Protein backbone atom coordinates (compact mmCIF):
# COMPACT_ATOMS: atom_id res chain seq x y z
CA MET A 1 15.35 -9.15 4.12
CA LEU A 2 13.77 -10.49 0.95
CA TYR A 3 10.39 -11.54 1.13
CA LEU A 4 9.54 -14.33 -1.63
CA SER A 5 6.49 -15.96 -3.92
CA ALA A 6 3.55 -13.44 -2.88
CA THR A 7 1.18 -12.31 -5.40
CA ILE A 8 2.16 -8.67 -4.82
CA ILE A 9 -0.61 -5.83 -5.72
CA THR A 10 1.92 -2.70 -5.98
CA VAL A 11 -0.62 -0.01 -6.86
CA ASN A 12 2.34 1.30 -8.54
CA PRO A 13 1.37 4.05 -11.34
CA THR A 14 1.01 1.30 -13.67
CA ARG A 15 -1.34 -0.61 -11.15
CA ASP A 16 1.38 -4.12 -11.52
CA ILE A 17 0.42 -7.00 -10.09
CA ILE A 18 3.56 -9.07 -10.19
CA LEU A 19 2.86 -13.00 -9.69
CA ASP A 20 5.40 -14.92 -7.81
CA GLY A 21 6.94 -11.31 -6.66
CA ALA A 22 9.26 -10.53 -4.06
CA VAL A 23 10.10 -7.68 -2.04
CA LEU A 24 13.52 -6.85 -0.64
CA VAL A 25 13.82 -4.46 2.26
CA HIS A 26 16.72 -2.55 3.29
CA GLY A 27 16.32 -0.92 6.55
CA HIS A 28 13.43 1.55 6.50
CA THR A 29 12.83 1.01 2.56
CA ILE A 30 12.17 -0.85 -0.28
CA ALA A 31 15.39 -1.44 -2.35
CA ASP A 32 14.02 -3.87 -5.19
CA ILE A 33 10.75 -5.26 -6.44
CA GLY A 34 9.88 -8.16 -8.83
CA LYS A 35 9.90 -11.38 -10.24
CA ALA A 36 10.76 -13.62 -7.06
CA ASP A 37 13.59 -15.96 -9.19
CA ILE A 38 15.28 -12.67 -10.90
CA LEU A 39 15.29 -11.01 -6.97
CA ARG A 40 16.62 -14.19 -5.58
CA SER A 41 19.55 -14.68 -8.38
CA LYS A 42 20.51 -10.55 -7.57
CA HIS A 43 20.34 -10.91 -3.50
CA PRO A 44 21.50 -14.47 -2.98
CA ASN A 45 23.17 -13.61 -0.06
CA GLU A 46 19.71 -12.09 1.83
CA ASP A 47 17.91 -13.49 4.43
CA CYS A 48 14.54 -14.66 3.15
CA VAL A 49 10.96 -14.97 4.31
CA ASP A 50 8.31 -17.31 2.15
CA LEU A 51 5.04 -15.69 1.67
CA SER A 52 3.61 -18.65 -0.97
CA GLY A 53 0.23 -18.63 -0.51
CA ARG A 54 -0.18 -15.02 -0.09
CA ILE A 55 -1.21 -11.44 -1.02
CA VAL A 56 1.15 -8.63 -0.37
CA ILE A 57 -0.34 -5.11 -0.50
CA PRO A 58 0.72 -1.68 0.29
CA GLY A 59 -0.11 -1.17 4.24
CA LEU A 60 -3.78 0.10 4.33
CA ILE A 61 -4.03 4.32 5.35
CA SER A 62 -7.03 5.12 7.49
CA THR A 63 -7.49 9.09 6.82
CA HIS A 64 -10.29 9.06 9.51
CA MET A 65 -10.46 7.44 12.87
CA HIS A 66 -10.97 8.40 17.03
CA THR A 67 -8.43 5.97 18.84
CA ALA A 68 -10.01 7.39 22.13
CA GLN A 69 -13.13 5.92 21.35
CA THR A 70 -12.09 2.28 21.14
CA LEU A 71 -12.21 2.62 24.90
CA LEU A 72 -16.20 3.12 23.96
CA ARG A 73 -16.95 0.31 21.69
CA GLY A 74 -20.37 -0.70 21.31
CA ALA A 75 -21.51 1.91 24.14
CA ALA A 76 -23.95 4.05 21.72
CA ASP A 77 -25.48 1.60 19.49
CA ASP A 78 -28.33 2.64 17.19
CA LEU A 79 -28.73 5.92 18.34
CA GLU A 80 -28.93 8.85 15.72
CA LEU A 81 -25.63 11.61 15.78
CA VAL A 82 -26.68 14.03 17.91
CA SER A 83 -27.95 12.02 21.00
CA TRP A 84 -25.15 9.38 20.28
CA LEU A 85 -22.95 12.85 20.91
CA CYS A 86 -24.69 14.35 23.53
CA ASP A 87 -26.36 11.45 25.69
CA ARG A 88 -23.50 9.12 25.46
CA ILE A 89 -19.81 9.90 23.45
CA TRP A 90 -19.25 13.26 24.94
CA VAL A 91 -20.42 12.25 28.58
CA LEU A 92 -18.04 9.64 28.03
CA GLN A 93 -15.39 11.18 26.75
CA GLY A 94 -15.96 14.21 29.38
CA ASN A 95 -14.90 11.51 32.09
CA PHE A 96 -11.95 10.36 30.81
CA THR A 97 -8.44 10.37 32.06
CA VAL A 98 -4.88 10.78 30.82
CA GLU A 99 -4.34 6.92 31.98
CA ASP A 100 -7.73 6.18 29.57
CA GLY A 101 -6.29 7.95 27.01
CA TYR A 102 -3.18 5.77 26.50
CA ALA A 103 -5.00 2.78 27.05
CA ALA A 104 -7.44 3.56 24.25
CA ALA A 105 -4.70 4.76 22.39
CA ARG A 106 -2.98 1.24 22.44
CA ILE A 107 -6.10 -0.44 21.93
CA SER A 108 -7.00 1.19 18.45
CA ILE A 109 -3.25 0.93 17.12
CA ALA A 110 -3.03 -3.04 17.88
CA GLU A 111 -6.38 -3.48 16.45
CA MET A 112 -4.94 -1.31 13.46
CA LEU A 113 -1.97 -3.38 13.02
CA LEU A 114 -3.42 -6.22 13.38
CA THR A 115 -5.83 -5.99 10.65
CA GLY A 116 -3.63 -4.49 8.07
CA THR A 117 -3.53 -0.46 8.60
CA THR A 118 0.13 1.07 8.91
CA CYS A 119 -1.08 4.61 8.89
CA PHE A 120 -3.66 6.45 10.25
CA LEU A 121 -5.05 10.05 10.56
CA GLU A 122 -6.53 10.69 14.14
CA SER A 123 -8.82 13.41 13.83
CA MET A 124 -9.39 15.49 17.26
CA PHE A 125 -7.42 14.04 20.25
CA ALA A 126 -8.67 16.37 23.65
CA ASP A 127 -6.70 17.82 25.73
CA ARG A 128 -7.82 15.24 28.36
CA TYR A 129 -6.71 12.50 26.85
CA GLY A 130 -3.04 12.98 27.18
CA PHE A 131 -1.75 14.13 23.62
CA ASP A 132 1.81 12.70 24.94
CA GLY A 133 0.54 9.06 25.24
CA LEU A 134 -1.15 9.22 22.19
CA CYS A 135 2.28 9.94 20.77
CA ARG A 136 4.10 7.40 23.05
CA ALA A 137 1.62 5.14 22.16
CA VAL A 138 2.18 5.22 18.33
CA GLU A 139 6.43 5.35 19.05
CA GLU A 140 6.17 2.17 20.81
CA SER A 141 3.70 0.33 18.49
CA GLY A 142 5.75 1.16 15.26
CA ILE A 143 2.57 2.18 13.50
CA ARG A 144 2.61 5.33 11.55
CA GLY A 145 0.33 8.32 12.96
CA CYS A 146 -1.04 11.76 11.49
CA LEU A 147 -2.29 12.83 15.00
CA GLY A 148 -4.85 15.84 15.18
CA LYS A 149 -5.17 17.84 18.18
CA ILE A 150 -8.07 19.38 18.84
CA VAL A 151 -9.04 22.97 18.06
CA MET A 152 -12.43 24.61 19.23
CA ASP A 153 -13.85 26.75 21.38
CA ILE A 154 -17.52 26.63 20.85
CA ALA A 155 -18.85 23.72 23.51
CA THR A 156 -22.14 22.73 21.05
CA TYR A 157 -22.97 21.06 18.38
CA ALA A 158 -24.01 23.47 15.04
CA LYS A 159 -24.09 26.31 17.43
CA ASP A 160 -27.83 24.61 19.05
CA SER A 161 -27.53 25.02 22.73
CA SER A 162 -29.34 21.93 23.52
CA TRP A 163 -26.70 19.99 21.44
CA ARG A 164 -23.93 20.67 24.29
CA MET A 165 -20.72 19.14 24.98
CA HIS A 166 -19.76 17.57 28.49
CA GLU A 167 -18.26 20.23 30.49
CA GLY A 168 -15.37 17.90 31.36
CA LEU A 169 -14.64 18.09 27.12
CA ALA A 170 -14.85 21.25 26.39
CA GLU A 171 -11.93 23.48 25.62
CA ASN A 172 -11.17 26.96 24.40
CA GLU A 173 -9.09 29.30 21.87
CA GLU A 174 -6.37 27.96 23.97
CA SER A 175 -6.78 24.99 21.97
CA LEU A 176 -5.01 26.24 19.48
CA GLN A 177 -1.76 27.03 20.90
CA GLY A 178 -1.92 23.68 22.60
CA ALA A 179 -2.25 22.41 19.42
CA VAL A 180 0.97 24.41 17.94
CA GLY A 181 2.96 23.43 21.09
CA MET A 182 2.37 19.78 20.45
CA TRP A 183 3.22 20.58 16.48
CA GLU A 184 6.69 21.51 18.19
CA LYS A 185 7.49 19.12 20.51
CA TRP A 186 6.14 15.74 18.44
CA ASP A 187 5.92 16.17 15.00
CA LYS A 188 8.68 14.51 12.70
CA ALA A 189 9.38 12.12 16.05
CA ALA A 190 10.10 8.25 15.78
CA ASN A 191 11.69 8.83 12.62
CA ASP A 192 9.51 10.69 11.35
CA ARG A 193 6.22 8.21 11.61
CA ILE A 194 4.73 11.13 13.85
CA ARG A 195 3.16 13.94 12.26
CA VAL A 196 0.97 16.55 14.14
CA TRP A 197 -1.97 17.92 12.57
CA PHE A 198 -4.63 20.42 13.34
CA GLY A 199 -7.96 18.64 14.40
CA ALA A 200 -10.54 21.19 14.09
CA ARG A 201 -14.17 20.40 15.17
CA THR A 202 -16.98 20.92 12.76
CA PRO A 203 -18.08 24.31 11.75
CA GLY A 204 -20.30 25.46 15.10
CA GLY A 205 -18.09 24.17 16.85
CA VAL A 206 -15.10 26.87 16.06
CA SER A 207 -15.71 30.65 16.03
CA ASP A 208 -15.03 32.35 12.52
CA GLY A 209 -12.02 33.79 14.12
CA LEU A 210 -10.25 30.95 15.43
CA TYR A 211 -10.86 29.29 12.24
CA LYS A 212 -9.06 32.48 10.33
CA ARG A 213 -5.99 32.34 12.91
CA MET A 214 -5.65 28.21 12.73
CA THR A 215 -5.74 28.46 8.75
CA ALA A 216 -3.14 31.15 8.96
CA ILE A 217 -0.86 29.62 11.09
CA SER A 218 -1.22 26.24 8.73
CA ARG A 219 -0.21 28.06 5.99
CA GLU A 220 2.61 29.54 8.18
CA LYS A 221 4.09 26.45 9.50
CA GLY A 222 3.22 24.10 7.40
CA ILE A 223 0.78 22.29 9.86
CA PRO A 224 -2.14 19.83 7.91
CA ILE A 225 -6.04 20.75 8.84
CA THR A 226 -8.50 17.79 9.17
CA MET A 227 -11.99 18.18 10.45
CA HIS A 228 -15.19 16.84 9.66
CA CYS A 229 -17.80 18.55 7.62
CA ALA A 230 -21.39 18.35 6.34
CA GLU A 231 -22.01 14.92 8.02
CA VAL A 232 -25.47 15.27 9.32
CA ARG A 233 -28.56 17.57 7.90
CA ALA A 234 -28.24 19.52 11.14
CA ASP A 235 -24.75 20.61 9.70
CA ARG A 236 -26.38 21.59 6.25
CA ALA A 237 -28.77 23.50 8.06
CA PHE A 238 -26.11 25.46 10.24
CA PHE A 239 -24.66 26.40 6.72
CA HIS A 240 -28.17 27.83 5.44
CA SER A 241 -28.66 29.81 8.40
CA ARG A 242 -25.36 31.65 7.73
CA SER A 243 -26.42 32.14 4.26
CA GLU A 244 -23.51 29.56 3.42
CA THR A 245 -22.90 26.19 1.54
CA PRO A 246 -20.53 24.16 3.13
CA MET A 247 -17.60 24.63 1.19
CA SER A 248 -18.36 28.46 0.75
CA TYR A 249 -18.55 28.47 4.59
CA CYS A 250 -15.03 26.67 4.49
CA ASP A 251 -13.76 28.78 2.27
CA SER A 252 -14.38 32.02 4.12
CA VAL A 253 -12.29 30.84 6.79
CA GLY A 254 -9.51 29.59 4.88
CA LEU A 255 -10.35 25.78 5.49
CA LEU A 256 -9.79 24.86 1.94
CA GLY A 257 -6.70 23.46 0.21
CA PRO A 258 -4.29 20.68 -0.46
CA SER A 259 -3.36 20.85 3.21
CA THR A 260 -6.99 19.79 4.33
CA VAL A 261 -8.88 16.53 4.68
CA LEU A 262 -12.43 17.02 5.45
CA VAL A 263 -14.72 14.27 6.67
CA HIS A 264 -17.64 12.83 5.81
CA VAL A 265 -18.78 15.55 3.74
CA VAL A 266 -22.43 13.81 3.09
CA HIS A 267 -24.73 16.94 2.51
CA LEU A 268 -23.28 18.54 -0.80
CA ASP A 269 -24.47 20.43 -3.48
CA ASP A 270 -22.96 20.43 -7.00
CA SER A 271 -21.15 24.05 -6.35
CA ASP A 272 -19.70 22.26 -3.27
CA ILE A 273 -17.93 19.67 -5.22
CA ALA A 274 -16.84 21.64 -7.34
CA LYS A 275 -15.19 23.98 -5.02
CA LEU A 276 -13.58 20.67 -3.22
CA ALA A 277 -11.81 19.80 -6.92
CA GLU A 278 -10.76 23.56 -7.55
CA THR A 279 -8.87 23.76 -4.66
CA GLY A 280 -7.11 20.00 -4.36
CA THR A 281 -9.41 19.58 -0.84
CA HIS A 282 -8.94 15.92 0.25
CA VAL A 283 -11.95 14.18 1.35
CA SER A 284 -12.21 11.13 3.73
CA HIS A 285 -15.07 8.63 3.12
CA CYS A 286 -16.42 6.67 6.16
CA PRO A 287 -19.39 4.63 4.68
CA THR A 288 -19.87 2.51 8.01
CA SER A 289 -20.17 5.23 10.42
CA ASN A 290 -22.41 7.05 8.11
CA ALA A 291 -24.49 4.59 7.65
CA LYS A 292 -24.63 3.36 10.91
CA LEU A 293 -25.92 7.00 12.33
CA ALA A 294 -28.17 7.34 9.64
CA SER A 295 -26.37 10.31 8.36
CA GLY A 296 -26.89 9.56 5.01
CA ILE A 297 -24.51 8.40 2.02
CA CYS A 298 -21.71 10.66 0.70
CA ARG A 299 -21.81 11.51 -2.77
CA LEU A 300 -19.05 9.27 -3.82
CA PRO A 301 -19.02 8.85 -7.46
CA GLU A 302 -19.64 12.61 -8.07
CA LEU A 303 -16.77 13.39 -5.94
CA LEU A 304 -14.55 10.79 -7.97
CA GLU A 305 -15.93 12.06 -11.24
CA SER A 306 -14.88 15.80 -10.61
CA GLY A 307 -10.90 14.69 -9.56
CA VAL A 308 -11.62 15.41 -5.66
CA ASN A 309 -8.87 12.81 -4.12
CA VAL A 310 -10.52 10.35 -1.48
CA GLY A 311 -9.52 8.09 0.90
CA LEU A 312 -11.16 5.77 2.97
CA GLY A 313 -11.66 6.06 6.77
CA THR A 314 -13.31 3.56 9.57
CA ASP A 315 -14.19 6.58 12.05
CA GLY A 316 -14.67 5.54 15.86
CA ALA A 317 -15.18 2.04 17.35
CA PRO A 318 -18.68 3.28 18.91
CA CYS A 319 -20.17 4.16 15.38
CA ASN A 320 -18.28 1.35 13.73
CA ASN A 321 -18.02 -0.88 15.60
CA THR A 322 -14.35 -1.90 14.14
CA ASN A 323 -10.88 -0.17 13.10
CA ASP A 324 -10.97 -2.99 9.94
CA LEU A 325 -10.09 -0.87 7.06
CA LEU A 326 -10.47 -4.24 5.28
CA GLN A 327 -14.16 -4.71 5.80
CA GLU A 328 -14.47 -0.78 5.45
CA MET A 329 -13.39 -1.13 1.59
CA LYS A 330 -16.07 -3.67 1.02
CA LEU A 331 -19.11 -1.62 2.29
CA ALA A 332 -17.48 1.28 0.20
CA ALA A 333 -17.69 -0.51 -2.91
CA ILE A 334 -20.87 -2.25 -2.47
CA ILE A 335 -22.81 0.79 -0.84
CA HIS A 336 -22.76 2.98 -3.86
CA LYS A 337 -23.90 0.20 -5.94
CA ALA A 338 -27.21 0.00 -4.47
CA ARG A 339 -27.95 3.70 -4.06
CA SER A 340 -27.20 4.07 -7.92
CA TYR A 341 -28.43 1.08 -9.53
CA ASP A 342 -25.07 0.39 -10.96
CA PRO A 343 -22.96 -2.35 -10.32
CA THR A 344 -19.67 -0.62 -11.94
CA ILE A 345 -20.17 2.59 -10.52
CA ILE A 346 -17.14 2.01 -7.82
CA SER A 347 -14.82 -0.66 -8.54
CA ALA A 348 -12.89 -3.00 -6.24
CA GLU A 349 -9.69 -1.47 -7.95
CA LYS A 350 -10.76 1.99 -6.93
CA VAL A 351 -11.70 1.25 -3.02
CA LEU A 352 -8.13 -0.22 -3.33
CA GLU A 353 -6.54 2.72 -4.31
CA MET A 354 -8.63 5.07 -1.99
CA ALA A 355 -6.96 2.78 1.12
CA THR A 356 -3.66 3.05 -0.38
CA ILE A 357 -2.41 5.66 -2.21
CA HIS A 358 -5.02 8.12 -2.16
CA GLY A 359 -5.20 7.73 1.19
CA ALA A 360 -1.29 8.39 0.99
CA LYS A 361 -1.89 11.68 -0.83
CA ALA A 362 -4.81 12.76 1.31
CA LEU A 363 -2.32 12.90 3.85
CA GLY A 364 0.84 14.56 1.99
CA LEU A 365 2.72 11.24 2.03
CA GLU A 366 2.27 9.78 -1.74
CA ASP A 367 5.97 10.16 -2.16
CA SER A 368 6.89 7.40 0.54
CA ILE A 369 3.92 5.16 1.37
CA GLY A 370 0.57 4.35 -0.43
CA SER A 371 2.24 1.77 -3.16
CA LEU A 372 4.99 -0.62 -3.24
CA GLU A 373 8.07 1.03 -5.39
CA ILE A 374 12.06 0.97 -5.33
CA GLY A 375 13.03 3.65 -2.75
CA LYS A 376 9.50 4.36 -0.76
CA LYS A 377 8.87 3.12 2.68
CA ALA A 378 8.52 -0.74 3.24
CA ASP A 379 5.17 -0.60 4.67
CA PHE A 380 3.43 -3.50 3.71
CA VAL A 381 0.66 -6.29 4.57
CA ALA A 382 1.14 -10.23 3.74
CA ILE A 383 -2.84 -11.56 3.84
CA ASP A 384 -2.75 -15.47 4.28
CA MET A 385 -4.89 -16.71 1.18
CA ARG A 386 -5.09 -20.38 2.49
CA ARG A 387 -8.17 -20.96 3.78
CA VAL A 388 -11.40 -21.79 2.81
CA HIS A 389 -13.48 -18.58 2.84
CA LEU A 390 -10.55 -16.94 0.10
CA GLN A 391 -10.34 -19.79 -2.01
CA PRO A 392 -10.89 -19.87 -5.28
CA TYR A 393 -10.09 -16.43 -6.34
CA PHE A 394 -9.15 -15.05 -9.88
CA SER A 395 -8.62 -11.30 -9.41
CA PRO A 396 -6.23 -10.79 -6.52
CA VAL A 397 -7.84 -6.79 -5.99
CA SER A 398 -11.16 -8.63 -5.90
CA ALA A 399 -10.40 -11.02 -3.39
CA VAL A 400 -8.55 -8.24 -0.96
CA VAL A 401 -11.77 -6.04 -1.52
CA TYR A 402 -14.66 -8.41 -0.97
CA CYS A 403 -13.61 -11.35 0.85
CA VAL A 404 -10.76 -10.56 2.89
CA THR A 405 -11.02 -9.42 6.50
CA GLY A 406 -8.69 -8.01 9.05
CA ARG A 407 -8.46 -11.27 10.57
CA ASP A 408 -6.65 -12.87 7.33
CA VAL A 409 -3.61 -10.74 7.80
CA GLU A 410 -0.66 -12.53 8.58
CA LEU A 411 2.14 -10.02 8.46
CA VAL A 412 2.35 -6.17 8.54
CA VAL A 413 5.89 -4.64 7.96
CA VAL A 414 5.81 -1.11 9.05
CA ASP A 415 9.31 1.55 8.14
CA GLY A 416 10.82 -1.95 7.42
CA LYS A 417 10.06 -3.48 10.54
CA GLU A 418 7.85 -6.50 11.46
CA VAL A 419 5.18 -5.33 13.74
CA VAL A 420 2.85 -8.13 13.23
CA LYS A 421 4.49 -11.69 12.62
CA ALA A 422 2.10 -15.13 12.07
CA GLY A 423 -0.77 -12.50 12.67
CA GLU A 424 0.83 -11.90 16.70
CA LEU A 425 1.74 -8.35 17.80
CA GLN A 426 5.63 -7.82 18.15
CA THR A 427 6.00 -4.81 19.45
CA MET A 428 3.27 -4.73 22.13
CA ASN A 429 1.38 -7.62 24.35
CA GLU A 430 -2.00 -8.26 22.77
CA GLU A 431 -3.28 -9.89 26.01
CA ASN A 432 -2.14 -6.83 28.18
CA VAL A 433 -3.56 -4.34 25.58
CA TRP A 434 -7.27 -5.58 25.83
CA LYS A 435 -7.42 -6.37 29.53
CA GLU A 436 -6.02 -2.65 30.41
CA ALA A 437 -8.73 -1.32 27.97
CA GLU A 438 -11.42 -3.55 29.50
CA LYS A 439 -10.54 -2.51 32.81
CA LYS A 440 -9.98 1.09 31.85
CA GLY A 441 -13.51 1.18 29.76
CA THR A 442 -15.86 -0.50 32.82
CA GLU A 443 -14.26 1.96 35.12
CA LEU A 444 -15.02 4.58 32.87
CA ALA A 445 -18.91 3.85 32.06
CA LYS A 446 -19.27 3.83 36.14
CA ARG A 447 -17.40 7.42 36.80
CA ALA A 448 -19.83 8.59 33.75
CA GLY A 449 -22.42 7.30 35.46
CA LEU A 450 -23.69 4.70 31.81
CA ALA A 451 -22.71 1.46 33.51
CA GLU A 452 -26.67 0.56 33.08
CA LYS A 453 -27.52 2.59 29.68
CA VAL A 454 -24.13 0.92 27.83
CA LYS A 455 -25.39 -2.73 28.25
CA GLY A 456 -27.91 -2.72 25.71
CA LYS A 457 -31.57 -3.08 25.26
CA TRP A 458 -31.95 -7.15 26.54
CA PRO A 459 -31.69 -8.04 29.81
CA SER A 460 -28.78 -9.54 31.51
CA LYS A 461 -29.41 -12.19 33.96
């Protein structure tokens, strides 16, 4: 298939933007890319799709999200993290069924595809949600998923006994072998669109011994690790109680390295940043979640200046409240300008790199996705710019980062297959997906005893 006449932001090594460009897809890969007239003459017998008036970008890569939590969208607004977790999110998640987990995965994936995300890193899917159902949802939908299976053995936050998980959510050290079992069953399934990761709980939620066992298995079997770290001040207090900094502790249990993605890392000192750079550990930046939960603002400029590879994530729907990575890009570009009083500190181009090629690098997939180049997987997104809120534009990158939202996505191709066409899902029935999620979410809130609390502050009549 030959996709013609678009403005193509390649994010290739020279960051070429091709005006009146074309992409040729054969099977699962990009077979050719360049000027439309040249590709049309080289490949005269190919079926064509006219993308005039569109901008094509690499498929977006979310390096942190919680697929289960989309069922809880808006259920815990305007709360700080520990209350958000202990009083709402853990209570709801502790009442999940396997059917809830599948419905949540499906609506999360549907939203991501419709808004241009073609690959995501699930942070820590609990056993009670049904990991098989998550994998099945990825397989059926056509998206790429790096799926973190939870590893934990301590059911509190930062080892504070007053911040205890709901009993239905707690798991023990057997969670490690459970994750290995899912890796053996599902890793590289669905034409290699599924990768299984360790999704470790944050320090204080995993014993030192279990971390060390996990990191040893990670090195032995090549299973990557993702983990929340230094998200809120309570995390920093936990590390201080151990006479450690966040990264000195992580280093002591073997967590640091190029197969690890640490999430948030809001509360770091200079030595932590240096250690991240030294070890090649990746970071996922989630500015909306950090701002909404009042966790703080990640030191993104310093991380980038030190050479740390940083991707972008939406986090979960209860602390965002969307899975739209295009919206996340805008905040990532803006929030650090306000903090630093420097409008040049994080550019639109840098943020688009974070959402594409840098995200791919964090997932160990930069050789196959993250940019539009011959031989790479055909994962790309076409954005319809023929709209009043998107015109005029002069810089395609600026338009994508500062103007576009997921509602402007028209076409999404993953692994050479059109999974969104004319703004509509091709692999899932959107109405069935949201109706099932609505039903399951309502039932869950009642089962958890939170049906009234999740309604918000103003009276409903």
